[in-house]
């Protein structure tokens, strides 16, 4: 697929018009003739997804795709398909389960902002191969107040990625057995991100949590 003679005549062409104007590197990648490039294909898939949403203009879509490209490039998803730190020993507790990204931050060995975000995006990329929408589950088993303090920067970075790139794809954020000391952080994050993704948040207990009965049904009933 090539878009050399681009114009604003169609929504897709309009997206490419702005991509060429704002990020020629990204435009060149998407316009390349190599259709075996999986990194390129994931970005094209995002264009198709957002073009099917009437409220998004070509300008809006180009900004979103640009953001996705920048985050993926920053975390080297154009070069790797597996978390660098988890190759020999699993240090993160982030995993893809059908249409869910399941996280148990209290049990993670590593809490580097860069590598947690990298691992999250890798799992999310796998998830989006099979579904258009996804949910995130945070299980706070073994999560301490001290860990919450050190994880603040991770929460801000992941929230930024979700808001800038995957707002329409994100269905629900489930918080399992949320500790009471987490409330101030959640309120702060709601204000920081003008509610947005935090409007998608639901607190449930571990007893209530049932992947197939609650979450899987909710996503697939859309």
Protein backbone atom coordinates (compact mmCIF):
# COMPACT_ATOMS: atom_id res chain seq x y z
CA UNK A 1 0.00 0.00 0.00
CA UNK A 2 1.43 3.37 -0.99
CA UNK A 3 0.20 6.89 -0.40
CA UNK A 4 2.48 9.02 -2.56
CA UNK A 5 -0.36 11.11 -4.00
CA UNK A 6 -2.02 11.83 -0.71
CA UNK A 7 -4.85 14.28 -0.18
CA UNK A 8 -7.67 14.89 2.30
CA UNK A 9 -10.19 13.20 0.00
CA UNK A 10 -10.66 10.22 2.34
CA UNK A 11 -10.22 9.80 6.08
CA UNK A 12 -7.28 7.43 5.69
CA UNK A 13 -5.55 9.66 3.17
CA UNK A 14 -6.16 12.56 5.53
CA UNK A 15 -4.34 10.67 8.27
CA UNK A 16 -1.36 10.09 5.99
CA UNK A 17 -1.44 13.74 4.95
CA UNK A 18 -0.86 14.81 8.54
CA UNK A 19 1.62 12.02 9.27
CA UNK A 20 3.78 13.14 6.36
CA UNK A 21 3.53 16.72 7.56
CA UNK A 22 4.33 15.96 11.23
CA UNK A 23 6.56 12.88 11.22
CA UNK A 24 8.18 11.97 7.92
CA UNK A 25 10.06 9.07 9.52
CA UNK A 26 6.79 7.42 10.53
CA UNK A 27 5.18 8.24 7.18
CA UNK A 28 8.09 6.65 5.32
CA UNK A 29 7.83 3.49 7.45
CA UNK A 30 4.08 3.13 6.83
CA UNK A 31 4.43 3.88 3.14
CA UNK A 32 7.20 1.30 2.60
CA UNK A 33 6.47 -1.62 0.31
CA UNK A 34 7.56 -4.24 2.88
CA UNK A 35 4.29 -5.67 4.16
CA UNK A 36 6.13 -8.30 6.24
CA UNK A 37 7.22 -5.66 8.75
CA UNK A 38 5.15 -6.53 11.84
CA UNK A 39 5.91 -3.23 13.55
CA UNK A 40 4.51 -1.39 10.54
CA UNK A 41 1.44 -3.63 10.46
CA UNK A 42 0.55 -2.93 14.10
CA UNK A 43 0.61 0.81 13.38
CA UNK A 44 -1.53 0.45 10.25
CA UNK A 45 -3.99 -1.56 12.32
CA UNK A 46 -4.36 1.41 14.68
CA UNK A 47 -5.15 3.70 11.75
CA UNK A 48 -7.88 1.33 10.57
CA UNK A 49 -9.30 1.05 14.10
CA UNK A 50 -9.53 4.80 14.70
CA UNK A 51 -10.76 5.57 11.18
CA UNK A 52 -13.83 3.46 12.01
CA UNK A 53 -14.71 5.75 14.93
CA UNK A 54 -16.76 8.68 13.53
CA UNK A 55 -15.77 11.25 16.18
CA UNK A 56 -12.07 10.98 15.32
CA UNK A 57 -10.81 13.29 12.60
CA UNK A 58 -7.73 12.52 10.45
CA UNK A 59 -5.83 15.06 12.54
CA UNK A 60 -6.83 13.33 15.79
CA UNK A 61 -5.90 9.93 14.43
CA UNK A 62 -2.51 11.07 13.15
CA UNK A 63 -1.70 12.41 16.64
CA UNK A 64 -2.67 9.12 18.27
CA UNK A 65 -0.66 7.03 15.80
CA UNK A 66 2.26 9.40 16.24
CA UNK A 67 2.06 8.89 20.02
CA UNK A 68 1.89 5.11 19.64
CA UNK A 69 4.92 5.18 17.34
CA UNK A 70 6.93 7.35 19.75
CA UNK A 71 6.17 5.17 22.77
CA UNK A 72 6.89 1.94 20.91
CA UNK A 73 10.12 3.32 19.51
CA UNK A 74 11.16 4.64 22.94
CA UNK A 75 10.73 1.17 24.45
CA UNK A 76 12.27 -0.54 21.38
CA UNK A 77 9.20 -2.50 20.35
CA UNK A 78 10.40 -2.05 16.79
CA UNK A 79 13.31 -4.36 17.65
CA UNK A 80 12.17 -6.79 20.37
CA UNK A 81 9.17 -9.01 21.09
CA UNK A 82 10.09 -10.10 24.62
CA UNK A 83 10.91 -8.19 27.80
CA UNK A 84 14.69 -7.87 28.04
CA UNK A 85 14.77 -8.51 31.79
CA UNK A 86 12.40 -11.50 31.76
CA UNK A 87 14.27 -13.58 29.20
CA UNK A 88 16.18 -15.66 31.77
CA UNK A 89 14.18 -15.06 34.95
CA UNK A 90 10.72 -13.53 35.20
CA UNK A 91 11.03 -10.31 37.20
CA UNK A 92 7.75 -8.65 36.18
CA UNK A 93 4.24 -9.83 37.00
CA UNK A 94 2.53 -8.60 33.85
CA UNK A 95 0.84 -11.11 31.60
CA UNK A 96 -1.62 -11.30 28.75
CA UNK A 97 -4.75 -13.38 29.37
CA UNK A 98 -7.14 -13.37 26.42
CA UNK A 99 -8.47 -9.78 26.38
CA UNK A 100 -6.89 -8.86 29.71
CA UNK A 101 -3.53 -7.48 30.84
CA UNK A 102 -3.17 -8.95 34.33
CA UNK A 103 -0.74 -7.26 36.74
CA UNK A 104 0.32 -8.15 40.31
CA UNK A 105 2.69 -5.28 41.16
CA UNK A 106 3.21 -6.40 44.78
CA UNK A 107 4.92 -9.59 43.58
CA UNK A 108 7.21 -8.00 40.97
CA UNK A 109 10.96 -8.21 41.55
CA UNK A 110 11.80 -5.28 39.28
CA UNK A 111 10.01 -1.90 39.29
CA UNK A 112 12.10 0.05 36.80
CA UNK A 113 9.79 2.49 35.01
CA UNK A 114 11.40 1.82 31.63
CA UNK A 115 11.28 -1.98 31.80
CA UNK A 116 7.81 -2.19 33.34
CA UNK A 117 6.45 0.02 30.53
CA UNK A 118 8.34 -2.00 27.95
CA UNK A 119 6.93 -5.27 29.28
CA UNK A 120 3.41 -3.80 29.48
CA UNK A 121 3.51 -2.66 25.84
CA UNK A 122 4.80 -6.05 24.67
CA UNK A 123 1.94 -7.85 26.43
CA UNK A 124 -0.54 -5.30 25.11
CA UNK A 125 0.71 -5.75 21.55
CA UNK A 126 0.10 -9.49 21.86
CA UNK A 127 -3.37 -8.85 23.27
CA UNK A 128 -4.35 -6.51 20.41
CA UNK A 129 -3.54 -9.17 17.85
CA UNK A 130 -6.67 -10.99 18.95
CA UNK A 131 -9.07 -8.33 20.24
CA UNK A 132 -10.00 -4.72 19.56
CA UNK A 133 -10.62 -3.84 23.19
CA UNK A 134 -8.92 -4.89 26.39
CA UNK A 135 -9.15 -4.52 30.14
CA UNK A 136 -6.43 -4.22 32.76
CA UNK A 137 -6.54 -6.06 36.08
CA UNK A 138 -4.44 -4.88 39.02
CA UNK A 139 -4.28 -7.47 41.80
CA UNK A 140 -2.92 -5.78 44.94
CA UNK A 141 -1.98 -8.96 46.75
CA UNK A 142 1.22 -8.30 48.80
CA UNK A 143 1.20 -4.63 47.78
CA UNK A 144 2.69 -2.38 50.48
CA UNK A 145 2.50 1.33 51.22
CA UNK A 146 6.25 1.60 50.60
CA UNK A 147 5.83 -0.04 47.19
CA UNK A 148 3.05 2.42 46.31
CA UNK A 149 5.39 5.35 46.92
CA UNK A 150 8.10 3.92 44.66
CA UNK A 151 5.57 2.96 41.98
CA UNK A 152 4.12 6.47 41.54
CA UNK A 153 6.26 7.22 38.49
CA UNK A 154 5.22 3.91 36.90
CA UNK A 155 1.53 4.74 37.43
CA UNK A 156 1.97 8.16 35.83
CA UNK A 157 3.85 6.80 32.82
CA UNK A 158 1.40 3.94 32.16
CA UNK A 159 -1.54 6.33 32.54
CA UNK A 160 0.04 8.67 30.00
CA UNK A 161 0.48 5.84 27.49
CA UNK A 162 -3.11 4.69 27.95
CA UNK A 163 -4.56 8.17 27.64
CA UNK A 164 -2.48 9.22 24.62
CA UNK A 165 -2.65 5.94 22.69
CA UNK A 166 -5.30 3.46 23.80
CA UNK A 167 -8.21 5.33 25.38
CA UNK A 168 -10.80 3.90 22.96
CA UNK A 169 -9.34 0.41 23.16
CA UNK A 170 -9.33 0.35 26.96
CA UNK A 171 -12.55 -1.07 28.33
CA UNK A 172 -12.13 -1.24 32.11
CA UNK A 173 -9.41 -1.03 34.76
CA UNK A 174 -10.23 -3.53 37.52
CA UNK A 175 -8.63 -3.01 40.94
CA UNK A 176 -8.71 -6.14 43.09
CA UNK A 177 -8.70 -5.67 46.87
CA UNK A 178 -7.50 -2.08 46.68
CA UNK A 179 -5.68 -1.06 49.89
CA UNK A 180 -7.18 1.97 51.67
CA UNK A 181 -3.84 3.80 51.51
CA UNK A 182 -4.08 3.77 47.72
CA UNK A 183 -7.06 6.16 47.72
CA UNK A 184 -5.02 9.42 47.83
CA UNK A 185 -2.89 8.27 44.90
CA UNK A 186 -5.98 7.38 42.85
CA UNK A 187 -7.54 10.79 43.59
CA UNK A 188 -4.33 12.53 42.58
CA UNK A 189 -4.15 10.55 39.33
CA UNK A 190 -7.79 11.38 38.55
CA UNK A 191 -7.04 15.08 38.83
CA UNK A 192 -3.77 14.78 36.91
CA UNK A 193 -5.49 13.10 33.96
CA UNK A 194 -8.79 15.02 34.21
CA UNK A 195 -10.63 11.80 35.16
CA UNK A 196 -10.42 10.38 31.58
CA UNK A 197 -9.10 6.81 31.93
CA UNK A 198 -9.92 6.75 35.62
CA UNK A 199 -13.60 6.90 34.74
CA UNK A 200 -13.06 3.37 33.46
CA UNK A 201 -11.92 2.12 36.88
CA UNK A 202 -13.84 -0.43 38.98
CA UNK A 203 -12.88 -1.72 42.44
CA UNK A 204 -13.75 -5.35 43.14
CA UNK A 205 -12.75 -7.96 45.69
CA UNK A 206 -10.75 -11.06 44.97
CA UNK A 207 -13.87 -13.11 45.71
CA UNK A 208 -15.84 -11.18 43.10
CA UNK A 209 -13.12 -11.50 40.51
CA UNK A 210 -13.86 -14.14 37.94
CA UNK A 211 -12.21 -13.63 34.54
CA UNK A 212 -14.79 -15.45 32.45
CA UNK A 213 -17.92 -14.45 34.38
CA UNK A 214 -17.17 -10.75 34.94
CA UNK A 215 -14.48 -9.33 32.71
CA UNK A 216 -14.61 -11.54 29.62
CA UNK A 217 -18.38 -11.13 29.41
CA UNK A 218 -18.26 -7.34 29.85
CA UNK A 219 -15.76 -6.78 27.05
CA UNK A 220 -17.41 -9.09 24.57
CA UNK A 221 -20.87 -7.67 25.20
CA UNK A 222 -19.81 -4.33 23.67
